[in-house]
Amino acid sequence: MQQTATRPPAHYRDIDAESVGQRLDNFLLGALSGVPRSHVYRLIRSGQVRVNSGRVRAGYRLKEGDRVRVPPVYRRGSRPAEVPSNRVRWLADRILYEDRRILVLDKPAGMPVHGGTGVDFGCIEALRSLSPEMRAADLVHRLDRGTSGCLLVAKRRAALRQLHELLRTGGMGKRYLALVRGRWPRGVSRVDAALSTRRRGGESVVRADPAGKRALSWFRAVERLGDRATLVEVSIGTGRTHQIRVHAAHAGHPLAGDPRYGDPKFNADLLAQGLKRMFLHAHALAFDWPGSGEAFAISSPLPPELTAILGSLERPGPAPADRDRSP
């Protein structure tokens, strides 16, 4: 039987304590399950979504007592398509850590963190399908589709609020490993370049722009691989879209394998040596739980396809030691 498009009426959701602190866009993605993420953002930008009868931005943090207008949306059938368990069961083997509050996934490169236009499902939808207790899980932060490594997921709304607050106040440390073109200077290099984002052909394109939002990164040379490339560790003080990739290119050392901001010749040379993805890996994250002060830290080693590239390059030894440390 052919499915028909249904359009439910607009309805209103009153925000209770369980949803306090959640971003409006994330709230709507749950309320409008199965609707593409890009369409949810269009609804917000067009003013069809209202909070307390007023227009707000996608990043608005909900407060107790807020009233959200959820607009009518066309969708096929009565329920969103289910994630086929046989296609995501393997993801369970990539869980680095799990307790009653959080889960850390060793995200594979090439898999988006969430579904959207042209993508049936991503990491979060796949994780929600693995067990009933994961149905309320939500992303604490995001990684680019081409980035691998530690992806933090909150299993409870209270934990999500706490972790988002840590991100806002700089209480969560995130470190990445990246391979960049050329010889990165020794010590710690601070890149403080504001970034602005534009949509081009349906994709986000970011550039250094003094009029943009402030973005701060620290790069430390870990190992120089001849004059061609340097393995660097990156710590970020902000979490802007494509921040590490744009800051590396802005500093004159674009990431290996970066199709958008990279050096085509450098990428082609490394492709010939077997690099078929962007060399950016979310290596580690650490924080202290608010209230208890309990320390949490976890790391993910470089995946085999990236260590193989390092092994194929000239390796004269570690970068000179330096007393500087990133904050």
Protein backbone atom coordinates (compact mmCIF):
# COMPACT_ATOMS: atom_id res chain seq x y z
CA MET A 1 0.00 0.00 0.00
CA GLN A 2 1.34 3.42 -0.95
CA GLN A 3 2.20 5.67 1.98
CA THR A 4 0.59 9.09 2.08
CA ALA A 5 1.98 12.31 3.45
CA THR A 6 0.48 13.34 6.77
CA ARG A 7 0.58 16.78 8.31
CA PRO A 8 -0.10 16.93 12.03
CA PRO A 9 -1.33 20.22 13.49
CA ALA A 10 0.95 22.63 15.31
CA HIS A 11 1.18 21.86 19.00
CA TYR A 12 2.77 23.31 22.10
CA ARG A 13 5.23 21.75 24.52
CA ASP A 14 5.72 23.09 28.03
CA ILE A 15 9.31 22.67 29.24
CA ASP A 16 9.73 20.83 32.52
CA ALA A 17 12.81 20.35 34.69
CA GLU A 18 13.91 17.34 32.64
CA SER A 19 14.48 19.45 29.51
CA VAL A 20 15.98 22.54 31.15
CA GLY A 21 19.29 23.53 29.56
CA GLN A 22 18.75 21.60 26.34
CA ARG A 23 19.37 23.43 23.08
CA LEU A 24 16.24 24.23 21.11
CA ASP A 25 17.50 22.42 18.00
CA ASN A 26 18.22 19.23 19.93
CA PHE A 27 14.83 19.41 21.62
CA LEU A 28 13.08 19.70 18.26
CA LEU A 29 15.05 16.83 16.74
CA GLY A 30 13.52 14.66 19.45
CA ALA A 31 10.05 16.18 19.17
CA LEU A 32 10.08 15.82 15.37
CA SER A 33 11.65 12.39 15.21
CA GLY A 34 12.39 11.35 11.64
CA VAL A 35 12.43 14.88 10.22
CA PRO A 36 15.80 15.74 8.56
CA ARG A 37 18.03 17.99 10.63
CA SER A 38 18.34 20.51 7.81
CA HIS A 39 14.55 20.92 7.73
CA VAL A 40 14.41 21.46 11.50
CA TYR A 41 16.88 24.34 11.12
CA ARG A 42 14.80 25.83 8.31
CA LEU A 43 11.75 25.77 10.57
CA ILE A 44 13.67 27.67 13.25
CA ARG A 45 15.15 30.23 10.84
CA SER A 46 11.77 30.89 9.23
CA GLY A 47 10.14 31.65 12.58
CA GLN A 48 7.74 28.70 12.50
CA VAL A 49 9.19 27.58 15.83
CA ARG A 50 8.41 29.96 18.68
CA VAL A 51 9.38 30.04 22.34
CA ASN A 52 6.98 31.99 24.54
CA SER A 53 5.49 33.42 21.30
CA GLY A 54 8.84 34.87 20.21
CA ARG A 55 11.51 33.90 17.67
CA VAL A 56 14.75 32.47 19.06
CA ARG A 57 17.95 30.99 17.67
CA ALA A 58 18.70 27.29 17.32
CA GLY A 59 21.20 27.45 20.18
CA TYR A 60 18.71 28.90 22.67
CA ARG A 61 18.86 27.00 25.99
CA LEU A 62 15.43 26.04 27.21
CA LYS A 63 14.24 27.21 30.64
CA GLU A 64 11.69 25.68 32.94
CA GLY A 65 8.25 27.06 32.11
CA ASP A 66 9.09 27.92 28.48
CA ARG A 67 6.36 27.13 25.97
CA VAL A 68 7.58 25.88 22.58
CA ARG A 69 5.43 25.98 19.46
CA VAL A 70 6.21 22.86 17.40
CA PRO A 71 5.00 23.54 13.84
CA PRO A 72 3.17 21.10 11.57
CA VAL A 73 5.56 19.06 9.43
CA TYR A 74 4.88 16.83 6.45
CA ARG A 75 6.35 13.37 6.79
CA ARG A 76 5.90 10.02 5.10
CA GLY A 77 3.91 7.45 7.02
CA SER A 78 3.15 7.50 10.71
CA ARG A 79 6.62 6.67 12.05
CA PRO A 80 10.21 7.37 11.03
CA ALA A 81 12.12 4.52 9.45
CA GLU A 82 13.75 2.27 12.01
CA VAL A 83 17.50 1.77 12.08
CA PRO A 84 18.21 -1.79 10.91
CA SER A 85 19.89 -3.53 13.83
CA ASN A 86 21.95 -5.80 11.57
CA ARG A 87 23.67 -2.70 10.15
CA VAL A 88 24.66 -1.13 13.47
CA ARG A 89 25.23 -4.06 15.84
CA TRP A 90 28.97 -3.81 15.16
CA LEU A 91 28.95 -0.34 16.73
CA ALA A 92 28.55 -1.91 20.18
CA ASP A 93 32.11 -3.23 19.89
CA ARG A 94 33.37 0.36 19.54
CA ILE A 95 32.06 1.52 22.93
CA LEU A 96 35.11 2.59 24.94
CA TYR A 97 33.27 3.26 28.21
CA GLU A 98 29.73 3.11 29.57
CA ASP A 99 28.02 3.69 32.91
CA ARG A 100 24.52 4.76 33.96
CA ARG A 101 25.15 8.41 32.96
CA ILE A 102 27.37 8.43 29.87
CA LEU A 103 28.81 6.45 27.02
CA VAL A 104 31.97 7.11 25.02
CA LEU A 105 32.03 5.78 21.48
CA ASP A 106 35.15 5.30 19.39
CA LYS A 107 33.53 6.90 16.36
CA PRO A 108 34.68 5.55 13.00
CA ALA A 109 35.67 7.99 10.26
CA GLY A 110 33.04 8.33 7.55
CA MET A 111 30.03 7.89 9.83
CA PRO A 112 28.10 11.06 10.70
CA VAL A 113 27.18 11.69 14.32
CA HIS A 114 23.50 12.09 13.39
CA GLY A 115 21.20 11.55 10.43
CA GLY A 116 20.25 14.36 8.09
CA THR A 117 19.78 15.24 4.46
CA GLY A 118 20.80 12.23 2.37
CA VAL A 119 21.77 10.25 5.51
CA ASP A 120 19.34 7.73 6.97
CA PHE A 121 21.01 7.55 10.37
CA GLY A 122 24.18 8.41 12.24
CA CYS A 123 25.94 7.38 15.44
CA ILE A 124 23.29 8.66 17.84
CA GLU A 125 20.37 7.02 16.02
CA ALA A 126 22.35 3.78 15.81
CA LEU A 127 23.17 3.84 19.53
CA ARG A 128 19.54 4.52 20.43
CA SER A 129 18.55 1.41 18.50
CA LEU A 130 20.93 -0.89 20.39
CA SER A 131 18.96 -1.11 23.65
CA PRO A 132 15.87 0.37 25.35
CA GLU A 133 17.97 2.26 27.93
CA MET A 134 19.67 4.18 25.11
CA ARG A 135 16.47 5.60 23.62
CA ALA A 136 16.86 8.91 25.47
CA ALA A 137 20.59 9.22 24.71
CA ASP A 138 21.85 12.49 23.23
CA LEU A 139 25.09 13.88 21.87
CA VAL A 140 27.16 15.98 24.26
CA HIS A 141 29.27 17.34 21.39
CA ARG A 142 29.83 16.63 17.70
CA LEU A 143 32.62 15.43 15.44
CA ASP A 144 32.92 15.99 11.70
CA ARG A 145 31.95 13.02 9.57
CA GLY A 146 35.58 12.49 8.54
CA THR A 147 36.91 12.63 12.13
CA SER A 148 37.36 9.51 14.24
CA GLY A 149 37.74 9.04 17.99
CA CYS A 150 36.08 9.86 21.31
CA LEU A 151 32.42 10.85 20.99
CA LEU A 152 30.71 11.58 24.31
CA VAL A 153 27.03 10.66 24.67
CA ALA A 154 24.78 11.39 27.67
CA LYS A 155 22.28 8.67 28.60
CA ARG A 156 20.36 10.87 31.03
CA ARG A 157 19.05 14.40 30.64
CA ALA A 158 20.61 15.52 33.95
CA ALA A 159 24.04 14.36 32.77
CA LEU A 160 23.56 16.15 29.45
CA ARG A 161 22.86 19.44 31.25
CA GLN A 162 25.94 19.06 33.45
CA LEU A 163 28.23 18.23 30.54
CA HIS A 164 26.90 21.06 28.37
CA GLU A 165 27.62 23.44 31.24
CA LEU A 166 31.20 22.14 31.41
CA LEU A 167 31.58 22.79 27.68
CA ARG A 168 30.25 26.34 28.06
CA THR A 169 32.59 27.14 30.95
CA GLY A 170 35.70 25.44 29.56
CA GLY A 171 35.64 22.64 32.12
CA MET A 172 36.08 19.84 29.59
CA GLY A 173 39.43 19.12 27.99
CA LYS A 174 39.42 17.70 24.46
CA ARG A 175 42.60 16.74 22.64
CA TYR A 176 43.02 15.72 19.01
CA LEU A 177 45.81 14.25 16.92
CA ALA A 178 46.28 15.57 13.40
CA LEU A 179 48.80 15.30 10.60
CA VAL A 180 49.57 18.66 9.00
CA ARG A 181 51.65 19.78 6.03
CA GLY A 182 55.20 20.99 6.65
CA ARG A 183 57.24 21.53 9.81
CA TRP A 184 55.11 22.90 12.62
CA PRO A 185 57.17 25.11 14.97
CA ARG A 186 58.32 23.55 18.22
CA GLY A 187 56.51 24.26 21.46
CA VAL A 188 52.89 25.29 21.74
CA SER A 189 51.39 27.57 19.10
CA ARG A 190 48.28 29.52 20.03
CA VAL A 191 45.90 30.21 17.15
CA ASP A 192 43.35 32.89 18.06
CA ALA A 193 41.39 33.55 14.86
CA ALA A 194 37.69 34.31 14.79
CA LEU A 195 35.61 32.17 12.42
CA SER A 196 32.48 32.78 10.37
CA THR A 197 30.31 30.17 8.67
CA ARG A 198 28.45 30.43 5.39
CA ARG A 199 26.27 27.98 3.51
CA ARG A 200 27.45 27.12 0.02
CA GLY A 201 25.76 24.46 -2.07
CA GLY A 202 24.00 23.12 1.03
CA GLU A 203 27.28 22.72 2.96
CA SER A 204 28.93 24.76 5.71
CA VAL A 205 32.08 26.61 4.67
CA VAL A 206 34.11 28.25 7.44
CA ARG A 207 36.78 30.93 7.11
CA ALA A 208 38.92 33.07 9.37
CA ASP A 209 37.08 36.35 9.73
CA PRO A 210 37.74 39.13 12.29
CA ALA A 211 33.99 39.78 12.35
CA GLY A 212 33.20 36.14 13.18
CA LYS A 213 32.94 34.30 16.48
CA ARG A 214 36.07 33.95 18.57
CA ALA A 215 37.85 30.60 18.25
CA LEU A 216 40.94 29.49 20.15
CA SER A 217 43.18 26.47 19.54
CA TRP A 218 46.58 25.29 20.80
CA PHE A 219 48.81 23.18 18.55
CA ARG A 220 51.83 21.23 19.85
CA ALA A 221 54.27 19.41 17.60
CA VAL A 222 54.47 15.76 18.66
CA GLU A 223 56.63 14.31 15.89
CA ARG A 224 58.18 15.74 12.74
CA LEU A 225 58.15 13.47 9.73
CA GLY A 226 60.89 15.02 7.65
CA ASP A 227 60.02 18.33 6.01
CA ARG A 228 56.77 17.03 4.57
CA ALA A 229 54.53 16.71 7.62
CA THR A 230 54.18 17.01 11.39
CA LEU A 231 52.02 15.04 13.79
CA VAL A 232 50.45 17.60 16.15
CA GLU A 233 48.29 17.46 19.25
CA VAL A 234 45.50 20.04 19.33
CA SER A 235 43.58 21.37 22.32
CA ILE A 236 40.60 23.62 21.75
CA GLY A 237 39.22 26.40 23.92
CA THR A 238 36.07 26.74 21.81
CA GLY A 239 34.08 24.30 19.71
CA ARG A 240 33.37 26.09 16.44
CA THR A 241 32.44 24.23 13.27
CA HIS A 242 35.56 22.91 11.45
CA GLN A 243 37.70 24.88 13.94
CA ILE A 244 40.83 22.72 13.92
CA ARG A 245 40.76 22.32 10.14
CA VAL A 246 40.40 26.04 9.45
CA HIS A 247 42.92 27.09 12.13
CA ALA A 248 45.51 24.66 10.77
CA ALA A 249 45.05 26.00 7.24
CA HIS A 250 45.08 29.59 8.55
CA ALA A 251 48.45 28.88 10.20
CA GLY A 252 49.84 27.63 6.87
CA HIS A 253 49.77 23.94 7.79
CA PRO A 254 46.56 22.37 6.39
CA LEU A 255 45.42 18.95 7.54
CA ALA A 256 46.33 15.88 5.53
CA GLY A 257 43.39 14.52 3.57
CA ASP A 258 41.14 17.52 4.24
CA PRO A 259 38.98 17.82 1.10
CA ARG A 260 37.67 21.29 1.89
CA TYR A 261 40.50 23.30 3.47
CA GLY A 262 43.52 21.17 2.58
CA ASP A 263 46.32 21.35 0.03
CA PRO A 264 45.34 19.29 -3.05
CA LYS A 265 48.93 18.32 -3.91
CA PHE A 266 49.74 17.30 -0.32
CA ASN A 267 46.52 15.29 -0.22
CA ALA A 268 47.30 13.60 -3.53
CA ASP A 269 50.80 12.64 -2.36
CA LEU A 270 49.42 11.02 0.80
CA LEU A 271 46.58 9.36 -1.10
CA ALA A 272 49.24 7.63 -3.17
CA GLN A 273 50.67 6.33 0.12
CA GLY A 274 47.29 5.02 1.24
CA LEU A 275 45.61 7.89 3.13
CA LYS A 276 41.95 7.66 2.12
CA ARG A 277 40.48 9.88 4.85
CA MET A 278 41.16 13.08 6.75
CA PHE A 279 43.92 12.69 9.33
CA LEU A 280 42.07 14.05 12.37
CA HIS A 281 41.38 11.92 15.44
CA ALA A 282 39.64 12.88 18.72
CA HIS A 283 42.31 11.36 20.91
CA ALA A 284 41.23 12.11 24.49
CA LEU A 285 38.78 13.90 26.71
CA ALA A 286 38.77 14.64 30.43
CA PHE A 287 36.64 16.49 32.97
CA ASP A 288 35.61 16.55 36.62
CA TRP A 289 31.96 15.82 37.34
CA PRO A 290 30.21 18.91 38.75
CA GLY A 291 29.32 18.57 42.40
CA SER A 292 31.31 15.45 43.28
CA GLY A 293 34.56 16.51 41.59
CA GLU A 294 34.99 12.93 40.40
CA ALA A 295 37.63 12.85 37.65
CA PHE A 296 36.90 11.23 34.33
CA ALA A 297 39.42 10.70 31.53
CA ILE A 298 39.51 8.46 28.50
CA SER A 299 41.50 8.13 25.30
CA SER A 300 41.29 6.41 21.95
CA PRO A 301 44.47 5.30 20.12
CA LEU A 302 45.06 6.24 16.51
CA PRO A 303 43.25 3.78 14.24
CA PRO A 304 45.40 1.40 12.17
CA GLU A 305 44.92 3.26 8.88
CA LEU A 306 46.45 6.41 10.42
CA THR A 307 49.35 4.70 12.19
CA ALA A 308 50.16 3.02 8.86
CA ILE A 309 50.52 6.44 7.22
CA LEU A 310 52.88 7.60 9.95
CA GLY A 311 54.93 4.49 9.43
CA SER A 312 55.22 5.17 5.71
CA LEU A 313 56.68 8.66 6.20
CA GLU A 314 60.21 9.60 7.13
CA ARG A 315 60.54 9.63 10.92
CA PRO A 316 63.61 11.51 12.18
CA GLY A 317 62.42 11.49 15.81
CA PRO A 318 60.23 13.45 18.22
CA ALA A 319 59.92 17.21 18.06
CA PRO A 320 62.28 19.12 20.40
CA ALA A 321 61.01 19.30 23.97
CA ASP A 322 59.60 22.59 25.15
CA ARG A 323 58.50 23.79 28.55
CA ASP A 324 55.33 25.41 27.25
CA ARG A 325 52.10 23.57 27.89
CA SER A 326 48.65 24.18 26.50
CA PRO A 327 46.13 25.21 29.16
